[in-house]
PDB file of all heavy atoms in Angstrom:
ATOM      1  N   ALA A   1      -8.691 -20.315   7.076  1.00  0.00           N
ATOM      2  CA  ALA A   1      -8.577 -21.530   7.933  1.00  0.00           C
ATOM      3  C   ALA A   1      -7.798 -22.724   7.331  1.00  0.00           C
ATOM      4  O   ALA A   1      -7.187 -23.469   8.168  1.00  0.00           O
ATOM      5  CB  ALA A   1     -10.068 -21.959   8.136  1.00  0.00           C
ATOM      6  N   LEU A   2      -7.578 -22.699   6.031  1.00  0.00           N
ATOM      7  CA  LEU A   2      -7.035 -23.855   5.508  1.00  0.00           C
ATOM      8  C   LEU A   2      -5.624 -23.560   4.770  1.00  0.00           C
ATOM      9  O   LEU A   2      -5.254 -24.285   3.933  1.00  0.00           O
ATOM     10  CB  LEU A   2      -8.020 -24.534   4.456  1.00  0.00           C
ATOM     11  CG  LEU A   2      -9.177 -25.159   5.186  1.00  0.00           C
ATOM     12  CD1 LEU A   2     -10.308 -25.462   4.146  1.00  0.00           C
ATOM     13  CD2 LEU A   2      -8.900 -26.274   6.083  1.00  0.00           C
ATOM     14  N   GLY A   3      -5.053 -22.398   5.091  1.00  0.00           N
ATOM     15  CA  GLY A   3      -3.612 -22.183   4.821  1.00  0.00           C
ATOM     16  C   GLY A   3      -3.324 -21.476   3.379  1.00  0.00           C
ATOM     17  O   GLY A   3      -2.295 -21.637   2.981  1.00  0.00           O
ATOM     18  N   ALA A   4      -4.418 -20.830   2.686  1.00  0.00           N
ATOM     19  CA  ALA A   4      -3.995 -20.051   1.523  1.00  0.00           C
ATOM     20  C   ALA A   4      -3.279 -18.832   1.984  1.00  0.00           C
ATOM     21  O   ALA A   4      -3.501 -18.232   2.895  1.00  0.00           O
ATOM     22  CB  ALA A   4      -5.282 -19.801   0.706  1.00  0.00           C
ATOM     23  N   ASP A   5      -2.207 -18.583   1.160  1.00  0.00           N
ATOM     24  CA  ASP A   5      -1.423 -17.322   1.380  1.00  0.00           C
ATOM     25  C   ASP A   5      -2.038 -16.056   0.883  1.00  0.00           C
ATOM     26  O   ASP A   5      -1.756 -14.995   1.471  1.00  0.00           O
ATOM     27  CB  ASP A   5       0.101 -17.535   0.749  1.00  0.00           C
ATOM     28  CG  ASP A   5       0.616 -18.773   1.266  1.00  0.00           C
ATOM     29  OD1 ASP A   5       0.842 -18.910   2.430  1.00  0.00           O
ATOM     30  OD2 ASP A   5       0.963 -19.681   0.418  1.00  0.00           O
ATOM     31  N   ALA A   6      -2.876 -16.089  -0.111  1.00  0.00           N
ATOM     32  CA  ALA A   6      -3.454 -14.834  -0.643  1.00  0.00           C
ATOM     33  C   ALA A   6      -4.643 -15.273  -1.570  1.00  0.00           C
ATOM     34  O   ALA A   6      -4.819 -16.487  -1.817  1.00  0.00           O
ATOM     35  CB  ALA A   6      -2.481 -14.197  -1.390  1.00  0.00           C
ATOM     36  N   VAL A   7      -5.502 -14.240  -1.846  1.00  0.00           N
ATOM     37  CA  VAL A   7      -6.641 -14.487  -2.730  1.00  0.00           C
ATOM     38  C   VAL A   7      -6.570 -13.425  -3.662  1.00  0.00           C
ATOM     39  O   VAL A   7      -6.273 -12.294  -3.469  1.00  0.00           O
ATOM     40  CB  VAL A   7      -7.937 -14.372  -1.946  1.00  0.00           C
ATOM     41  CG1 VAL A   7      -9.245 -14.515  -2.853  1.00  0.00           C
ATOM     42  CG2 VAL A   7      -8.111 -15.497  -0.793  1.00  0.00           C
ATOM     43  N   LEU A   8      -6.841 -13.874  -4.997  1.00  0.00           N
ATOM     44  CA  LEU A   8      -6.829 -12.838  -6.068  1.00  0.00           C
ATOM     45  C   LEU A   8      -8.358 -12.888  -6.565  1.00  0.00           C
ATOM     46  O   LEU A   8      -8.994 -14.041  -6.744  1.00  0.00           O
ATOM     47  CB  LEU A   8      -5.969 -13.397  -7.347  1.00  0.00           C
ATOM     48  CG  LEU A   8      -4.485 -13.672  -6.816  1.00  0.00           C
ATOM     49  CD1 LEU A   8      -3.747 -14.208  -8.108  1.00  0.00           C
ATOM     50  CD2 LEU A   8      -3.817 -12.507  -6.313  1.00  0.00           C
ATOM     51  N   VAL A   9      -8.869 -11.657  -6.826  1.00  0.00           N
ATOM     52  CA  VAL A   9     -10.320 -11.555  -7.322  1.00  0.00           C
ATOM     53  C   VAL A   9     -10.237 -10.767  -8.592  1.00  0.00           C
ATOM     54  O   VAL A   9      -9.515  -9.866  -8.822  1.00  0.00           O
ATOM     55  CB  VAL A   9     -11.136 -10.942  -6.220  1.00  0.00           C
ATOM     56  CG1 VAL A   9     -11.187 -11.652  -5.016  1.00  0.00           C
ATOM     57  CG2 VAL A   9     -10.613  -9.544  -5.871  1.00  0.00           C
ATOM     58  N   SER A  10     -11.134 -11.164  -9.569  1.00  0.00           N
ATOM     59  CA  SER A  10     -11.083 -10.541 -10.853  1.00  0.00           C
ATOM     60  C   SER A  10     -11.895  -9.170 -10.608  1.00  0.00           C
ATOM     61  O   SER A  10     -12.447  -8.829  -9.729  1.00  0.00           O
ATOM     62  CB  SER A  10     -12.074 -11.495 -11.807  1.00  0.00           C
ATOM     63  OG  SER A  10     -13.408 -11.428 -11.424  1.00  0.00           O
ATOM     64  N   GLU A  11     -11.865  -8.376 -11.704  1.00  0.00           N
ATOM     65  CA  GLU A  11     -12.379  -6.952 -11.744  1.00  0.00           C
ATOM     66  C   GLU A  11     -13.855  -7.022 -11.452  1.00  0.00           C
ATOM     67  O   GLU A  11     -14.423  -6.259 -10.795  1.00  0.00           O
ATOM     68  CB  GLU A  11     -12.049  -6.334 -13.084  1.00  0.00           C
ATOM     69  CG  GLU A  11     -10.716  -5.891 -13.104  1.00  0.00           C
ATOM     70  CD  GLU A  11     -10.229  -4.713 -12.248  1.00  0.00           C
ATOM     71  OE1 GLU A  11     -11.215  -4.082 -11.577  1.00  0.00           O
ATOM     72  OE2 GLU A  11      -9.128  -4.280 -12.153  1.00  0.00           O
ATOM     73  N   ARG A  12     -14.600  -8.012 -11.969  1.00  0.00           N
ATOM     74  CA  ARG A  12     -16.071  -8.144 -11.832  1.00  0.00           C
ATOM     75  C   ARG A  12     -16.481  -8.975 -10.642  1.00  0.00           C
ATOM     76  O   ARG A  12     -17.739  -9.160 -10.418  1.00  0.00           O
ATOM     77  CB  ARG A  12     -16.573  -8.645 -13.174  1.00  0.00           C
ATOM     78  CG  ARG A  12     -16.444  -7.800 -14.323  1.00  0.00           C
ATOM     79  CD  ARG A  12     -17.244  -8.178 -15.523  1.00  0.00           C
ATOM     80  NE  ARG A  12     -16.946  -9.502 -16.025  1.00  0.00           N
ATOM     81  CZ  ARG A  12     -17.480 -10.190 -16.996  1.00  0.00           C
ATOM     82  NH1 ARG A  12     -18.429  -9.566 -17.566  1.00  0.00           N
ATOM     83  NH2 ARG A  12     -17.100 -11.343 -17.408  1.00  0.00           N
ATOM     84  N   CYS A  13     -15.572  -9.407  -9.890  1.00  0.00           N
ATOM     85  CA  CYS A  13     -15.826 -10.217  -8.619  1.00  0.00           C
ATOM     86  C   CYS A  13     -16.497  -9.242  -7.577  1.00  0.00           C
ATOM     87  O   CYS A  13     -16.180  -8.151  -7.498  1.00  0.00           O
ATOM     88  CB  CYS A  13     -14.619 -10.856  -8.038  1.00  0.00           C
ATOM     89  SG  CYS A  13     -15.000 -12.078  -6.878  1.00  0.00           S
ATOM     90  N   ALA A  14     -17.452  -9.826  -6.781  1.00  0.00           N
ATOM     91  CA  ALA A  14     -18.091  -9.008  -5.748  1.00  0.00           C
ATOM     92  C   ALA A  14     -17.099  -8.552  -4.809  1.00  0.00           C
ATOM     93  O   ALA A  14     -16.038  -9.165  -4.605  1.00  0.00           O
ATOM     94  CB  ALA A  14     -19.180  -9.962  -5.026  1.00  0.00           C
ATOM     95  N   ASP A  15     -17.239  -7.443  -4.061  1.00  0.00           N
ATOM     96  CA  ASP A  15     -16.315  -6.778  -3.246  1.00  0.00           C
ATOM     97  C   ASP A  15     -16.133  -7.580  -1.993  1.00  0.00           C
ATOM     98  O   ASP A  15     -16.994  -7.745  -1.185  1.00  0.00           O
ATOM     99  CB  ASP A  15     -16.818  -5.368  -2.875  1.00  0.00           C
ATOM    100  CG  ASP A  15     -15.933  -4.559  -2.122  1.00  0.00           C
ATOM    101  OD1 ASP A  15     -14.773  -4.876  -1.952  1.00  0.00           O
ATOM    102  OD2 ASP A  15     -16.376  -3.410  -1.590  1.00  0.00           O
ATOM    103  N   PRO A  16     -14.819  -7.963  -1.832  1.00  0.00           N
ATOM    104  CA  PRO A  16     -14.496  -8.667  -0.564  1.00  0.00           C
ATOM    105  C   PRO A  16     -14.847  -7.733   0.759  1.00  0.00           C
ATOM    106  O   PRO A  16     -14.984  -8.304   1.900  1.00  0.00           O
ATOM    107  CB  PRO A  16     -13.027  -8.998  -0.586  1.00  0.00           C
ATOM    108  CG  PRO A  16     -12.674  -9.136  -2.161  1.00  0.00           C
ATOM    109  CD  PRO A  16     -13.676  -8.026  -2.666  1.00  0.00           C
ATOM    110  N   LEU A  17     -14.760  -6.332   0.516  1.00  0.00           N
ATOM    111  CA  LEU A  17     -14.905  -5.470   1.727  1.00  0.00           C
ATOM    112  C   LEU A  17     -16.374  -5.052   1.810  1.00  0.00           C
ATOM    113  O   LEU A  17     -16.692  -4.149   2.688  1.00  0.00           O
ATOM    114  CB  LEU A  17     -13.919  -4.445   1.582  1.00  0.00           C
ATOM    115  CG  LEU A  17     -12.520  -4.669   1.908  1.00  0.00           C
ATOM    116  CD1 LEU A  17     -11.607  -3.437   1.822  1.00  0.00           C
ATOM    117  CD2 LEU A  17     -12.286  -5.443   3.261  1.00  0.00           C
ATOM    118  N   TYR A  18     -17.347  -5.540   1.030  1.00  0.00           N
ATOM    119  CA  TYR A  18     -18.737  -5.141   1.249  1.00  0.00           C
ATOM    120  C   TYR A  18     -19.051  -5.792   2.573  1.00  0.00           C
ATOM    121  O   TYR A  18     -18.665  -6.789   2.970  1.00  0.00           O
ATOM    122  CB  TYR A  18     -19.571  -5.764   0.133  1.00  0.00           C
ATOM    123  CG  TYR A  18     -21.070  -5.474   0.284  1.00  0.00           C
ATOM    124  CD1 TYR A  18     -21.526  -4.175   0.200  1.00  0.00           C
ATOM    125  CD2 TYR A  18     -21.906  -6.478   0.462  1.00  0.00           C
ATOM    126  CE1 TYR A  18     -22.833  -3.942   0.463  1.00  0.00           C
ATOM    127  CE2 TYR A  18     -23.248  -6.225   0.573  1.00  0.00           C
ATOM    128  CZ  TYR A  18     -23.770  -4.885   0.606  1.00  0.00           C
ATOM    129  OH  TYR A  18     -25.107  -4.637   0.772  1.00  0.00           O
ATOM    130  N   ARG A  19     -20.051  -5.123   3.220  1.00  0.00           N
ATOM    131  CA  ARG A  19     -20.352  -5.484   4.641  1.00  0.00           C
ATOM    132  C   ARG A  19     -20.840  -7.012   4.790  1.00  0.00           C
ATOM    133  O   ARG A  19     -20.302  -7.725   5.584  1.00  0.00           O
ATOM    134  CB  ARG A  19     -21.576  -4.731   5.069  1.00  0.00           C
ATOM    135  CG  ARG A  19     -22.065  -5.071   6.447  1.00  0.00           C
ATOM    136  CD  ARG A  19     -23.341  -4.007   6.725  1.00  0.00           C
ATOM    137  NE  ARG A  19     -24.426  -4.273   5.835  1.00  0.00           N
ATOM    138  CZ  ARG A  19     -25.327  -5.183   6.080  1.00  0.00           C
ATOM    139  NH1 ARG A  19     -25.285  -6.123   7.053  1.00  0.00           N
ATOM    140  NH2 ARG A  19     -26.318  -5.336   5.196  1.00  0.00           N
ATOM    141  N   ARG A  20     -21.569  -7.531   3.807  1.00  0.00           N
ATOM    142  CA  ARG A  20     -21.893  -9.015   3.984  1.00  0.00           C
ATOM    143  C   ARG A  20     -20.855  -9.965   3.750  1.00  0.00           C
ATOM    144  O   ARG A  20     -20.644 -10.947   4.326  1.00  0.00           O
ATOM    145  CB  ARG A  20     -22.973  -9.279   2.891  1.00  0.00           C
ATOM    146  CG  ARG A  20     -24.398  -8.609   3.103  1.00  0.00           C
ATOM    147  CD  ARG A  20     -24.937  -9.025   4.372  1.00  0.00           C
ATOM    148  NE  ARG A  20     -25.385 -10.498   4.369  1.00  0.00           N
ATOM    149  CZ  ARG A  20     -26.396 -10.969   3.844  1.00  0.00           C
ATOM    150  NH1 ARG A  20     -27.330 -10.233   3.268  1.00  0.00           N
ATOM    151  NH2 ARG A  20     -26.624 -12.272   3.863  1.00  0.00           N
ATOM    152  N   SER A  21     -19.806  -9.548   2.844  1.00  0.00           N
ATOM    153  CA  SER A  21     -18.597 -10.372   2.631  1.00  0.00           C
ATOM    154  C   SER A  21     -17.880 -10.372   3.964  1.00  0.00           C
ATOM    155  O   SER A  21     -17.338 -11.407   4.408  1.00  0.00           O
ATOM    156  CB  SER A  21     -17.797  -9.920   1.544  1.00  0.00           C
ATOM    157  OG  SER A  21     -18.462  -9.778   0.237  1.00  0.00           O
ATOM    158  N   VAL A  22     -17.613  -9.195   4.490  1.00  0.00           N
ATOM    159  CA  VAL A  22     -16.813  -9.065   5.656  1.00  0.00           C
ATOM    160  C   VAL A  22     -17.474  -9.933   6.836  1.00  0.00           C
ATOM    161  O   VAL A  22     -16.789 -10.634   7.622  1.00  0.00           O
ATOM    162  CB  VAL A  22     -16.570  -7.682   6.205  1.00  0.00           C
ATOM    163  CG1 VAL A  22     -15.799  -7.605   7.496  1.00  0.00           C
ATOM    164  CG2 VAL A  22     -15.828  -6.833   5.224  1.00  0.00           C
ATOM    165  N   LYS A  23     -18.850  -9.628   6.983  1.00  0.00           N
ATOM    166  CA  LYS A  23     -19.500 -10.480   8.062  1.00  0.00           C
ATOM    167  C   LYS A  23     -19.455 -11.955   7.964  1.00  0.00           C
ATOM    168  O   LYS A  23     -19.107 -12.663   8.819  1.00  0.00           O
ATOM    169  CB  LYS A  23     -20.992  -9.957   8.072  1.00  0.00           C
ATOM    170  CG  LYS A  23     -21.697 -10.614   9.225  1.00  0.00           C
ATOM    171  CD  LYS A  23     -23.281 -10.177   9.082  1.00  0.00           C
ATOM    172  CE  LYS A  23     -24.187 -10.763  10.206  1.00  0.00           C
ATOM    173  NZ  LYS A  23     -25.538 -10.284  10.021  1.00  0.00           N
ATOM    174  N   VAL A  24     -19.711 -12.546   6.667  1.00  0.00           N
ATOM    175  CA  VAL A  24     -19.770 -13.859   6.499  1.00  0.00           C
ATOM    176  C   VAL A  24     -18.283 -14.507   6.702  1.00  0.00           C
ATOM    177  O   VAL A  24     -18.112 -15.608   7.191  1.00  0.00           O
ATOM    178  CB  VAL A  24     -20.169 -14.280   5.071  1.00  0.00           C
ATOM    179  CG1 VAL A  24     -20.106 -15.641   4.764  1.00  0.00           C
ATOM    180  CG2 VAL A  24     -21.770 -13.975   5.025  1.00  0.00           C
ATOM    181  N   SER A  25     -17.297 -13.760   6.386  1.00  0.00           N
ATOM    182  CA  SER A  25     -15.930 -14.127   6.404  1.00  0.00           C
ATOM    183  C   SER A  25     -15.449 -14.195   7.955  1.00  0.00           C
ATOM    184  O   SER A  25     -14.383 -14.640   8.297  1.00  0.00           O
ATOM    185  CB  SER A  25     -14.953 -13.373   5.591  1.00  0.00           C
ATOM    186  OG  SER A  25     -14.645 -12.129   6.357  1.00  0.00           O
ATOM    187  N   THR A  26     -16.344 -13.614   8.912  1.00  0.00           N
ATOM    188  CA  THR A  26     -16.021 -13.433  10.206  1.00  0.00           C
ATOM    189  C   THR A  26     -14.702 -12.502  10.272  1.00  0.00           C
ATOM    190  O   THR A  26     -13.773 -12.607  11.226  1.00  0.00           O
ATOM    191  CB  THR A  26     -15.795 -14.618  11.125  1.00  0.00           C
ATOM    192  OG1 THR A  26     -14.634 -15.371  10.554  1.00  0.00           O
ATOM    193  CG2 THR A  26     -16.997 -15.564  11.024  1.00  0.00           C
ATOM    194  N   GLY A  27     -14.534 -11.626   9.432  1.00  0.00           N
ATOM    195  CA  GLY A  27     -13.447 -10.681   9.398  1.00  0.00           C
ATOM    196  C   GLY A  27     -12.079 -11.216   8.827  1.00  0.00           C
ATOM    197  O   GLY A  27     -11.130 -10.457   8.768  1.00  0.00           O
ATOM    198  N   THR A  28     -12.154 -12.412   8.375  1.00  0.00           N
ATOM    199  CA  THR A  28     -10.855 -12.993   7.727  1.00  0.00           C
ATOM    200  C   THR A  28     -10.564 -12.352   6.453  1.00  0.00           C
ATOM    201  O   THR A  28      -9.314 -12.394   6.015  1.00  0.00           O
ATOM    202  CB  THR A  28     -10.965 -14.482   7.422  1.00  0.00           C
ATOM    203  OG1 THR A  28     -12.191 -14.740   6.675  1.00  0.00           O
ATOM    204  CG2 THR A  28     -11.122 -15.261   8.818  1.00  0.00           C
ATOM    205  N   VAL A  29     -11.359 -11.510   5.750  1.00  0.00           N
ATOM    206  CA  VAL A  29     -10.973 -10.843   4.560  1.00  0.00           C
ATOM    207  C   VAL A  29     -10.102  -9.720   4.994  1.00  0.00           C
ATOM    208  O   VAL A  29      -9.337  -9.148   4.129  1.00  0.00           O
ATOM    209  CB  VAL A  29     -12.184 -10.259   3.885  1.00  0.00           C
ATOM    210  CG1 VAL A  29     -13.162 -11.188   3.237  1.00  0.00           C
ATOM    211  CG2 VAL A  29     -12.922  -9.169   4.648  1.00  0.00           C
ATOM    212  N   LEU A  30      -9.993  -9.363   6.276  1.00  0.00           N
ATOM    213  CA  LEU A  30      -9.114  -8.418   6.808  1.00  0.00           C
ATOM    214  C   LEU A  30      -7.667  -8.857   7.075  1.00  0.00           C
ATOM    215  O   LEU A  30      -6.827  -8.137   7.378  1.00  0.00           O
ATOM    216  CB  LEU A  30      -9.651  -7.657   8.005  1.00  0.00           C
ATOM    217  CG  LEU A  30     -11.195  -7.271   7.847  1.00  0.00           C
ATOM    218  CD1 LEU A  30     -11.760  -6.721   9.172  1.00  0.00           C
ATOM    219  CD2 LEU A  30     -11.323  -6.183   6.713  1.00  0.00           C
ATOM    220  N   GLN A  31      -7.596 -10.120   7.124  1.00  0.00           N
ATOM    221  CA  GLN A  31      -6.303 -10.803   7.519  1.00  0.00           C
ATOM    222  C   GLN A  31      -5.543 -11.474   6.313  1.00  0.00           C
ATOM    223  O   GLN A  31      -4.371 -11.542   6.394  1.00  0.00           O
ATOM    224  CB  GLN A  31      -6.366 -11.722   8.690  1.00  0.00           C
ATOM    225  CG  GLN A  31      -7.024 -13.109   8.432  1.00  0.00           C
ATOM    226  CD  GLN A  31      -7.324 -13.856   9.624  1.00  0.00           C
ATOM    227  OE1 GLN A  31      -8.037 -13.417  10.592  1.00  0.00           O
ATOM    228  NE2 GLN A  31      -6.700 -15.022   9.600  1.00  0.00           N
ATOM    229  N   VAL A  32      -6.356 -12.060   5.402  1.00  0.00           N
ATOM    230  CA  VAL A  32      -5.737 -12.762   4.285  1.00  0.00           C
ATOM    231  C   VAL A  32      -5.387 -11.658   3.229  1.00  0.00           C
ATOM    232  O   VAL A  32      -6.182 -10.922   2.660  1.00  0.00           O
ATOM    233  CB  VAL A  32      -6.757 -13.694   3.629  1.00  0.00           C
ATOM    234  CG1 VAL A  32      -6.139 -14.425   2.444  1.00  0.00           C
ATOM    235  CG2 VAL A  32      -7.091 -14.682   4.755  1.00  0.00           C
ATOM    236  N   PRO A  33      -4.197 -11.717   2.776  1.00  0.00           N
ATOM    237  CA  PRO A  33      -3.799 -10.736   1.746  1.00  0.00           C
ATOM    238  C   PRO A  33      -4.523 -10.974   0.328  1.00  0.00           C
ATOM    239  O   PRO A  33      -4.700 -12.083   0.086  1.00  0.00           O
ATOM    240  CB  PRO A  33      -2.244 -10.961   1.471  1.00  0.00           C
ATOM    241  CG  PRO A  33      -1.713 -11.634   2.687  1.00  0.00           C
ATOM    242  CD  PRO A  33      -2.996 -12.380   3.241  1.00  0.00           C
ATOM    243  N   TRP A  34      -4.951  -9.856  -0.269  1.00  0.00           N
ATOM    244  CA  TRP A  34      -5.681 -10.101  -1.533  1.00  0.00           C
ATOM    245  C   TRP A  34      -5.583  -8.760  -2.296  1.00  0.00           C
ATOM    246  O   TRP A  34      -5.155  -7.735  -1.910  1.00  0.00           O
ATOM    247  CB  TRP A  34      -7.213 -10.324  -1.192  1.00  0.00           C
ATOM    248  CG  TRP A  34      -7.944  -9.131  -0.667  1.00  0.00           C
ATOM    249  CD1 TRP A  34      -8.050  -8.723   0.604  1.00  0.00           C
ATOM    250  CD2 TRP A  34      -8.794  -8.144  -1.361  1.00  0.00           C
ATOM    251  NE1 TRP A  34      -8.849  -7.571   0.689  1.00  0.00           N
ATOM    252  CE2 TRP A  34      -9.151  -7.248  -0.520  1.00  0.00           C
ATOM    253  CE3 TRP A  34      -9.110  -7.993  -2.790  1.00  0.00           C
ATOM    254  CZ2 TRP A  34     -10.161  -6.249  -0.851  1.00  0.00           C
ATOM    255  CZ3 TRP A  34      -9.964  -7.108  -3.181  1.00  0.00           C
ATOM    256  CH2 TRP A  34     -10.370  -6.070  -2.153  1.00  0.00           C
ATOM    257  N   THR A  35      -5.775  -9.041  -3.681  1.00  0.00           N
ATOM    258  CA  THR A  35      -5.827  -7.904  -4.553  1.00  0.00           C
ATOM    259  C   THR A  35      -6.629  -8.265  -5.912  1.00  0.00           C
ATOM    260  O   THR A  35      -7.020  -9.475  -5.944  1.00  0.00           O
ATOM    261  CB  THR A  35      -4.325  -7.491  -4.942  1.00  0.00           C
ATOM    262  OG1 THR A  35      -4.490  -6.146  -5.587  1.00  0.00           O
ATOM    263  CG2 THR A  35      -3.771  -8.465  -5.935  1.00  0.00           C
ATOM    264  N   ARG A  36      -6.850  -7.337  -6.775  1.00  0.00           N
ATOM    265  CA  ARG A  36      -7.576  -7.621  -7.921  1.00  0.00           C
ATOM    266  C   ARG A  36      -6.725  -7.818  -9.081  1.00  0.00           C
ATOM    267  O   ARG A  36      -5.478  -7.255  -9.082  1.00  0.00           O
ATOM    268  CB  ARG A  36      -8.491  -6.537  -8.219  1.00  0.00           C
ATOM    269  CG  ARG A  36      -9.835  -6.452  -7.301  1.00  0.00           C
ATOM    270  CD  ARG A  36     -10.847  -5.471  -7.812  1.00  0.00           C
ATOM    271  NE  ARG A  36     -12.013  -5.423  -6.954  1.00  0.00           N
ATOM    272  CZ  ARG A  36     -13.060  -6.300  -6.856  1.00  0.00           C
ATOM    273  NH1 ARG A  36     -13.150  -7.241  -7.723  1.00  0.00           N
ATOM    274  NH2 ARG A  36     -14.085  -6.107  -5.967  1.00  0.00           N
TER     275      ARG A  36
END
């Protein structure tokens, strides 16, 4: 929503693609580029 180009997550960070993460994000985890 606020213009970040990408998200970086640490190895021990919770999974962005876990069902609750995807749901709370309203699917935006599927459009914002990210990696670990």
